[in-house]
């Protein structure tokens, strides 16, 4: 499957709903939510003024957190963020800062 829509390199990805949706962040300063099976873009979030370097979900699974080279962390909510994952995970590329994924306590 190929997911197309970002106009800059993808810097981070996250499985959001146990394999049915994936989220990506990019150099184009957007976060996009994709349907895994169809590749359809479900949502595009704008608001950061820098590269998106990290993504994660809140412990309840209903809020997505993003961090950016603009030195901000943003919290997003959406009807597309609708199911808590079994175990949130985050994969990202970090440059030049050393960013750490937000891992909520058990």
Protein backbone atom coordinates (compact mmCIF):
# COMPACT_ATOMS: atom_id res chain seq x y z
CA UNK A 1 0.00 0.00 0.00
CA UNK A 2 1.20 3.51 -0.79
CA UNK A 3 0.03 6.60 1.09
CA UNK A 4 0.41 9.81 -0.90
CA UNK A 5 -0.27 13.37 0.16
CA UNK A 6 2.69 14.79 2.06
CA UNK A 7 4.80 17.26 0.08
CA UNK A 8 7.84 16.84 2.35
CA UNK A 9 9.73 13.86 3.74
CA UNK A 10 7.81 11.78 6.31
CA UNK A 11 9.60 11.98 9.66
CA UNK A 12 7.38 9.91 11.97
CA UNK A 13 4.60 7.36 11.89
CA UNK A 14 2.27 5.85 14.45
CA UNK A 15 -0.24 3.02 14.37
CA UNK A 16 -3.30 4.70 15.85
CA UNK A 17 -6.05 2.10 16.01
CA UNK A 18 -4.52 -1.35 16.13
CA UNK A 19 -3.88 -1.62 12.41
CA UNK A 20 -6.87 0.17 10.86
CA UNK A 21 -5.41 3.69 10.78
CA UNK A 22 -1.90 5.09 10.63
CA UNK A 23 -0.76 8.66 11.36
CA UNK A 24 2.22 10.37 9.75
CA UNK A 25 4.10 13.60 10.40
CA UNK A 26 6.26 15.39 7.87
CA UNK A 27 8.65 18.14 6.87
CA UNK A 28 5.59 19.77 5.27
CA UNK A 29 4.44 20.64 8.84
CA UNK A 30 1.28 18.53 8.61
CA UNK A 31 -0.03 15.45 10.36
CA UNK A 32 -2.14 13.08 8.29
CA UNK A 33 -4.42 10.21 9.27
CA UNK A 34 -4.70 7.35 6.76
CA UNK A 35 -6.95 4.33 6.33
CA UNK A 36 -4.56 1.36 6.27
CA UNK A 37 -6.55 -0.80 3.83
CA UNK A 38 -7.54 1.79 1.23
CA UNK A 39 -4.68 4.29 1.62
CA UNK A 40 -7.30 7.05 1.75
CA UNK A 41 -6.31 10.19 3.64
CA UNK A 42 -8.93 10.66 6.38
CA UNK A 43 -7.65 13.85 7.96
CA UNK A 44 -4.94 16.50 7.54
CA UNK A 45 -3.96 18.54 10.59
CA UNK A 46 -2.14 21.86 10.27
CA UNK A 47 -0.94 24.12 13.03
CA UNK A 48 2.75 23.49 13.62
CA UNK A 49 5.12 25.97 12.02
CA UNK A 50 8.04 23.52 11.98
CA UNK A 51 8.84 19.94 11.04
CA UNK A 52 6.80 17.30 12.90
CA UNK A 53 9.25 15.01 14.74
CA UNK A 54 7.07 12.94 17.08
CA UNK A 55 3.54 11.58 17.53
CA UNK A 56 1.84 9.73 20.34
CA UNK A 57 -1.57 9.14 21.90
CA UNK A 58 -2.79 10.12 25.34
CA UNK A 59 -3.44 7.23 27.75
CA UNK A 60 -7.19 7.32 26.99
CA UNK A 61 -6.48 7.15 23.24
CA UNK A 62 -8.68 10.11 22.36
CA UNK A 63 -6.04 12.83 22.05
CA UNK A 64 -3.04 12.85 19.76
CA UNK A 65 0.12 14.66 20.83
CA UNK A 66 2.66 16.00 18.36
CA UNK A 67 6.03 17.68 18.81
CA UNK A 68 7.76 19.87 16.29
CA UNK A 69 10.91 21.81 15.53
CA UNK A 70 8.82 24.91 16.28
CA UNK A 71 9.46 24.05 19.97
CA UNK A 72 5.82 23.24 20.69
CA UNK A 73 3.77 20.22 21.67
CA UNK A 74 0.22 20.27 20.35
CA UNK A 75 -2.78 18.23 21.47
CA UNK A 76 -5.35 17.33 18.81
CA UNK A 77 -8.74 15.71 19.15
CA UNK A 78 -10.87 14.36 16.32
CA UNK A 79 -13.69 11.97 15.57
CA UNK A 80 -11.02 9.95 13.75
CA UNK A 81 -9.25 9.45 17.10
CA UNK A 82 -11.85 7.13 18.46
CA UNK A 83 -10.37 3.94 19.89
CA UNK A 84 -7.72 3.50 22.54
CA UNK A 85 -4.79 1.43 21.23
CA UNK A 86 -3.62 -1.65 23.09
CA UNK A 87 -0.15 -0.16 23.39
CA UNK A 88 0.71 3.29 22.05
CA UNK A 89 3.95 3.46 20.14
CA UNK A 90 5.95 6.11 18.41
CA UNK A 91 8.68 5.95 15.80
CA UNK A 92 10.45 9.10 14.78
CA UNK A 93 13.58 10.67 13.36
CA UNK A 94 15.15 13.34 15.51
CA UNK A 95 17.43 16.08 14.22
CA UNK A 96 18.98 18.24 15.55
CA UNK A 97 17.37 17.93 18.99
CA UNK A 98 17.16 14.73 21.02
CA UNK A 99 13.40 14.27 21.30
CA UNK A 100 11.90 11.46 23.34
CA UNK A 101 8.49 9.86 22.77
CA UNK A 102 5.93 10.52 25.48
CA UNK A 103 5.33 7.23 27.26
CA UNK A 104 2.47 7.51 29.75
CA UNK A 105 2.82 5.59 33.00
CA UNK A 106 0.91 2.29 33.22
